[in-house]
PDB file of N, CA and C in Angstrom:
ATOM      1  N   UNK A   1     -18.945  -3.047 -17.930  1.00  0.00           N
ATOM      2  CA  UNK A   1     -18.032  -3.241 -16.968  1.00  0.00           C
ATOM      3  C   UNK A   1     -17.564  -1.936 -16.478  1.00  0.00           C
ATOM      4  N   UNK A   2     -17.524  -1.744 -15.227  1.00  0.00           N
ATOM      5  CA  UNK A   2     -16.977  -0.441 -14.689  1.00  0.00           C
ATOM      6  C   UNK A   2     -15.489  -0.265 -14.876  1.00  0.00           C
ATOM      7  N   UNK A   3     -14.887   0.435 -15.596  1.00  0.00           N
ATOM      8  CA  UNK A   3     -13.455   0.656 -15.849  1.00  0.00           C
ATOM      9  C   UNK A   3     -12.781   1.208 -14.496  1.00  0.00           C
ATOM     10  N   UNK A   4     -13.222   1.880 -13.686  1.00  0.00           N
ATOM     11  CA  UNK A   4     -12.861   2.090 -12.504  1.00  0.00           C
ATOM     12  C   UNK A   4     -12.918   1.437 -11.259  1.00  0.00           C
ATOM     13  N   UNK A   5     -13.123   0.008 -11.536  1.00  0.00           N
ATOM     14  CA  UNK A   5     -13.363  -0.858 -10.714  1.00  0.00           C
ATOM     15  C   UNK A   5     -11.930  -1.764 -10.298  1.00  0.00           C
ATOM     16  N   UNK A   6     -11.602  -1.448  -9.166  1.00  0.00           N
ATOM     17  CA  UNK A   6     -10.021  -2.087  -8.776  1.00  0.00           C
ATOM     18  C   UNK A   6      -9.011  -1.706  -9.687  1.00  0.00           C
ATOM     19  N   UNK A   7      -8.402  -2.722 -10.213  1.00  0.00           N
ATOM     20  CA  UNK A   7      -7.304  -2.624 -11.070  1.00  0.00           C
ATOM     21  C   UNK A   7      -7.561  -2.484 -12.434  1.00  0.00           C
ATOM     22  N   UNK A   8      -8.945  -2.527 -12.768  1.00  0.00           N
ATOM     23  CA  UNK A   8      -9.414  -2.784 -14.359  1.00  0.00           C
ATOM     24  C   UNK A   8      -8.410  -2.006 -15.357  1.00  0.00           C
ATOM     25  N   UNK A   9      -8.000  -0.650 -15.123  1.00  0.00           N
ATOM     26  CA  UNK A   9      -7.535   0.050 -15.911  1.00  0.00           C
ATOM     27  C   UNK A   9      -5.778  -0.532 -16.125  1.00  0.00           C
ATOM     28  N   UNK A  10      -5.488  -0.943 -15.054  1.00  0.00           N
ATOM     29  CA  UNK A  10      -4.147  -1.589 -15.335  1.00  0.00           C
ATOM     30  C   UNK A  10      -3.934  -2.828 -15.965  1.00  0.00           C
ATOM     31  N   UNK A  11      -4.991  -3.559 -15.733  1.00  0.00           N
ATOM     32  CA  UNK A  11      -5.211  -4.827 -16.358  1.00  0.00           C
ATOM     33  C   UNK A  11      -4.956  -4.615 -17.898  1.00  0.00           C
ATOM     34  N   UNK A  12      -6.152  -3.685 -18.466  1.00  0.00           N
ATOM     35  CA  UNK A  12      -6.339  -3.117 -19.758  1.00  0.00           C
ATOM     36  C   UNK A  12      -4.933  -2.657 -20.215  1.00  0.00           C
ATOM     37  N   UNK A  13      -4.265  -1.764 -19.481  1.00  0.00           N
ATOM     38  CA  UNK A  13      -3.051  -1.242 -20.327  1.00  0.00           C
ATOM     39  C   UNK A  13      -1.951  -2.186 -20.349  1.00  0.00           C
ATOM     40  N   UNK A  14      -2.016  -3.336 -19.373  1.00  0.00           N
ATOM     41  CA  UNK A  14      -1.175  -4.517 -19.634  1.00  0.00           C
ATOM     42  C   UNK A  14      -1.328  -5.419 -20.721  1.00  0.00           C
ATOM     43  N   UNK A  15      -2.796  -5.477 -20.993  1.00  0.00           N
ATOM     44  CA  UNK A  15      -3.008  -6.324 -22.307  1.00  0.00           C
ATOM     45  C   UNK A  15      -2.765  -5.636 -23.402  1.00  0.00           C
ATOM     46  N   UNK A  16      -2.647  -4.339 -23.622  1.00  0.00           N
ATOM     47  CA  UNK A  16      -2.374  -3.332 -24.756  1.00  0.00           C
ATOM     48  C   UNK A  16      -0.854  -3.748 -24.662  1.00  0.00           C
ATOM     49  N   UNK A  17      -0.102  -3.486 -23.712  1.00  0.00           N
ATOM     50  CA  UNK A  17       1.311  -3.515 -23.618  1.00  0.00           C
ATOM     51  C   UNK A  17       1.549  -4.875 -24.432  1.00  0.00           C
ATOM     52  N   UNK A  18       1.048  -6.168 -24.271  1.00  0.00           N
ATOM     53  CA  UNK A  18       1.504  -7.186 -24.799  1.00  0.00           C
ATOM     54  C   UNK A  18       0.259  -7.789 -25.824  1.00  0.00           C
ATOM     55  N   UNK A  19      -0.149  -6.579 -26.610  1.00  0.00           N
ATOM     56  CA  UNK A  19      -0.688  -6.619 -28.060  1.00  0.00           C
ATOM     57  C   UNK A  19      -1.658  -7.672 -28.120  1.00  0.00           C
ATOM     58  N   UNK A  20      -2.396  -8.167 -26.985  1.00  0.00           N
ATOM     59  CA  UNK A  20      -3.710  -8.908 -26.885  1.00  0.00           C
ATOM     60  C   UNK A  20      -4.584  -8.570 -27.681  1.00  0.00           C
ATOM     61  N   UNK A  21      -5.145  -9.589 -28.415  1.00  0.00           N
ATOM     62  CA  UNK A  21      -6.265  -9.341 -29.097  1.00  0.00           C
ATOM     63  C   UNK A  21      -7.398  -9.094 -28.495  1.00  0.00           C
ATOM     64  N   UNK A  22      -8.401  -8.355 -28.924  1.00  0.00           N
ATOM     65  CA  UNK A  22      -9.833  -7.860 -28.025  1.00  0.00           C
ATOM     66  C   UNK A  22     -10.339  -9.366 -27.283  1.00  0.00           C
ATOM     67  N   UNK A  23     -10.587 -10.341 -28.020  1.00  0.00           N
ATOM     68  CA  UNK A  23     -11.256 -11.399 -27.290  1.00  0.00           C
ATOM     69  C   UNK A  23     -10.151 -12.004 -25.963  1.00  0.00           C
ATOM     70  N   UNK A  24      -8.927 -12.069 -26.599  1.00  0.00           N
ATOM     71  CA  UNK A  24      -8.119 -12.480 -25.289  1.00  0.00           C
ATOM     72  C   UNK A  24      -8.149 -11.586 -24.263  1.00  0.00           C
ATOM     73  N   UNK A  25      -8.181 -10.193 -24.405  1.00  0.00           N
ATOM     74  CA  UNK A  25      -8.150  -9.138 -23.311  1.00  0.00           C
ATOM     75  C   UNK A  25      -9.586  -9.415 -22.690  1.00  0.00           C
ATOM     76  N   UNK A  26     -10.618  -9.764 -23.339  1.00  0.00           N
ATOM     77  CA  UNK A  26     -11.931  -9.952 -22.656  1.00  0.00           C
ATOM     78  C   UNK A  26     -11.831 -11.217 -21.709  1.00  0.00           C
ATOM     79  N   UNK A  27     -11.248 -12.023 -22.384  1.00  0.00           N
ATOM     80  CA  UNK A  27     -11.064 -13.461 -21.532  1.00  0.00           C
ATOM     81  C   UNK A  27     -10.190 -13.181 -20.119  1.00  0.00           C
ATOM     82  N   UNK A  28      -9.385 -12.564 -20.250  1.00  0.00           N
ATOM     83  CA  UNK A  28      -8.216 -11.970 -19.189  1.00  0.00           C
ATOM     84  C   UNK A  28      -9.006 -11.245 -18.082  1.00  0.00           C
ATOM     85  N   UNK A  29      -9.824 -10.370 -18.589  1.00  0.00           N
ATOM     86  CA  UNK A  29     -10.938  -9.565 -17.549  1.00  0.00           C
ATOM     87  C   UNK A  29     -11.971 -10.520 -16.787  1.00  0.00           C
ATOM     88  N   UNK A  30     -12.322 -11.050 -17.582  1.00  0.00           N
ATOM     89  CA  UNK A  30     -13.424 -12.130 -17.229  1.00  0.00           C
ATOM     90  C   UNK A  30     -12.875 -13.155 -16.224  1.00  0.00           C
ATOM     91  N   UNK A  31     -11.689 -13.433 -16.396  1.00  0.00           N
ATOM     92  CA  UNK A  31     -11.189 -14.414 -15.387  1.00  0.00           C
ATOM     93  C   UNK A  31     -11.077 -13.572 -13.909  1.00  0.00           C
ATOM     94  N   UNK A  32     -10.037 -12.688 -14.111  1.00  0.00           N
ATOM     95  CA  UNK A  32      -9.704 -11.832 -13.155  1.00  0.00           C
ATOM     96  C   UNK A  32     -11.252 -11.502 -12.267  1.00  0.00           C
ATOM     97  N   UNK A  33     -12.156 -11.111 -12.884  1.00  0.00           N
ATOM     98  CA  UNK A  33     -13.448 -10.512 -12.337  1.00  0.00           C
ATOM     99  C   UNK A  33     -14.167 -11.893 -11.631  1.00  0.00           C
ATOM    100  N   UNK A  34     -14.034 -13.092 -12.068  1.00  0.00           N
ATOM    101  CA  UNK A  34     -14.457 -14.239 -11.564  1.00  0.00           C
ATOM    102  C   UNK A  34     -13.588 -14.599 -10.267  1.00  0.00           C
ATOM    103  N   UNK A  35     -12.191 -14.505 -10.511  1.00  0.00           N
ATOM    104  CA  UNK A  35     -11.231 -15.258  -9.830  1.00  0.00           C
ATOM    105  C   UNK A  35     -11.131 -14.127  -8.408  1.00  0.00           C
ATOM    106  N   UNK A  36     -11.458 -12.760  -8.617  1.00  0.00           N
ATOM    107  CA  UNK A  36     -11.372 -11.740  -7.505  1.00  0.00           C
ATOM    108  C   UNK A  36     -12.772 -11.275  -6.954  1.00  0.00           C
ATOM    109  N   UNK A  37     -13.896 -12.291  -7.185  1.00  0.00           N
ATOM    110  CA  UNK A  37     -15.195 -12.161  -6.640  1.00  0.00           C
ATOM    111  C   UNK A  37     -15.733 -10.888  -6.879  1.00  0.00           C
ATOM    112  N   UNK A  38     -15.504 -10.250  -8.054  1.00  0.00           N
ATOM    113  CA  UNK A  38     -15.838  -9.154  -8.805  1.00  0.00           C
ATOM    114  C   UNK A  38     -15.337  -7.714  -7.967  1.00  0.00           C
ATOM    115  N   UNK A  39     -14.084  -8.138  -7.670  1.00  0.00           N
ATOM    116  CA  UNK A  39     -13.352  -6.743  -6.977  1.00  0.00           C
ATOM    117  C   UNK A  39     -12.435  -6.380  -7.582  1.00  0.00           C
ATOM    118  N   UNK A  40     -11.730  -7.001  -8.832  1.00  0.00           N
ATOM    119  CA  UNK A  40     -10.806  -6.472  -9.610  1.00  0.00           C
ATOM    120  C   UNK A  40      -9.712  -6.039  -8.673  1.00  0.00           C
ATOM    121  N   UNK A  41      -9.488  -6.838  -7.561  1.00  0.00           N
ATOM    122  CA  UNK A  41      -8.249  -6.495  -6.683  1.00  0.00           C
ATOM    123  C   UNK A  41      -7.419  -7.567  -6.337  1.00  0.00           C
ATOM    124  N   UNK A  42      -6.273  -7.578  -6.247  1.00  0.00           N
ATOM    125  CA  UNK A  42      -5.441  -8.852  -5.678  1.00  0.00           C
ATOM    126  C   UNK A  42      -5.695  -9.477  -4.570  1.00  0.00           C
ATOM    127  N   UNK A  43      -5.722 -10.841  -4.551  1.00  0.00           N
ATOM    128  CA  UNK A  43      -6.373 -11.619  -3.495  1.00  0.00           C
ATOM    129  C   UNK A  43      -5.127 -12.136  -2.550  1.00  0.00           C
ATOM    130  N   UNK A  44      -5.111 -11.949  -1.298  1.00  0.00           N
ATOM    131  CA  UNK A  44      -4.249 -12.364  -0.485  1.00  0.00           C
ATOM    132  C   UNK A  44      -4.410 -13.997   0.168  1.00  0.00           C
ATOM    133  N   UNK A  45      -3.907 -14.969  -0.406  1.00  0.00           N
ATOM    134  CA  UNK A  45      -4.677 -16.098   0.157  1.00  0.00           C
ATOM    135  C   UNK A  45      -3.741 -16.477   1.622  1.00  0.00           C
ATOM    136  N   UNK A  46      -4.456 -17.258   2.449  1.00  0.00           N
ATOM    137  CA  UNK A  46      -3.765 -17.611   3.694  1.00  0.00           C
ATOM    138  C   UNK A  46      -3.069 -18.546   3.780  1.00  0.00           C
ATOM    139  N   UNK A  47      -1.920 -18.369   3.976  1.00  0.00           N
ATOM    140  CA  UNK A  47      -1.026 -19.686   4.177  1.00  0.00           C
ATOM    141  C   UNK A  47      -0.725 -20.233   2.757  1.00  0.00           C
ATOM    142  N   UNK A  48      -0.521 -19.581   2.065  1.00  0.00           N
ATOM    143  CA  UNK A  48      -0.292 -19.705   0.450  1.00  0.00           C
ATOM    144  C   UNK A  48       1.232 -20.706   0.500  1.00  0.00           C
ATOM    145  N   UNK A  49       2.136 -19.872   0.971  1.00  0.00           N
ATOM    146  CA  UNK A  49       3.415 -20.514   1.081  1.00  0.00           C
ATOM    147  C   UNK A  49       3.601 -21.933   1.615  1.00  0.00           C
ATOM    148  N   UNK A  50       2.833 -22.195   2.817  1.00  0.00           N
ATOM    149  CA  UNK A  50       2.857 -23.184   3.648  1.00  0.00           C
ATOM    150  C   UNK A  50       2.480 -24.016   2.762  1.00  0.00           C
ATOM    151  N   UNK A  51       1.098 -23.952   2.364  1.00  0.00           N
ATOM    152  CA  UNK A  51       0.510 -25.031   1.494  1.00  0.00           C
ATOM    153  C   UNK A  51       1.361 -25.387   0.223  1.00  0.00           C
ATOM    154  N   UNK A  52       2.082 -24.194  -0.326  1.00  0.00           N
ATOM    155  CA  UNK A  52       3.133 -24.761  -1.539  1.00  0.00           C
ATOM    156  C   UNK A  52       4.032 -25.640  -1.061  1.00  0.00           C
ATOM    157  N   UNK A  53       4.362 -25.477   0.097  1.00  0.00           N
ATOM    158  CA  UNK A  53       5.725 -26.445   0.142  1.00  0.00           C
ATOM    159  C   UNK A  53       5.365 -27.808   0.722  1.00  0.00           C
ATOM    160  N   UNK A  54       3.975 -27.671   1.366  1.00  0.00           N
ATOM    161  CA  UNK A  54       3.509 -29.240   1.909  1.00  0.00           C
ATOM    162  C   UNK A  54       3.212 -30.168   0.785  1.00  0.00           C
ATOM    163  N   UNK A  55       2.947 -29.669  -0.411  1.00  0.00           N
ATOM    164  CA  UNK A  55       2.442 -30.660  -1.650  1.00  0.00           C
ATOM    165  C   UNK A  55       3.649 -31.039  -2.245  1.00  0.00           C
ATOM    166  N   UNK A  56       5.054 -30.858  -2.169  1.00  0.00           N
ATOM    167  CA  UNK A  56       6.103 -31.372  -2.491  1.00  0.00           C
ATOM    168  C   UNK A  56       6.433 -32.644  -2.058  1.00  0.00           C
TER     169      UNK A  56
END
């Protein structure tokens, strides 16, 4: 994995801050990698607030 991709280093330092085990940190990184379409950058969802309120 490219450690300079997106916010990878920030995610790793947060995992260290919360004393995650290596396998837990790997799971976090894999999830972020998948959910951000391999960019490791935050996603901005369209109409997220509107959708959230309509489901109540």
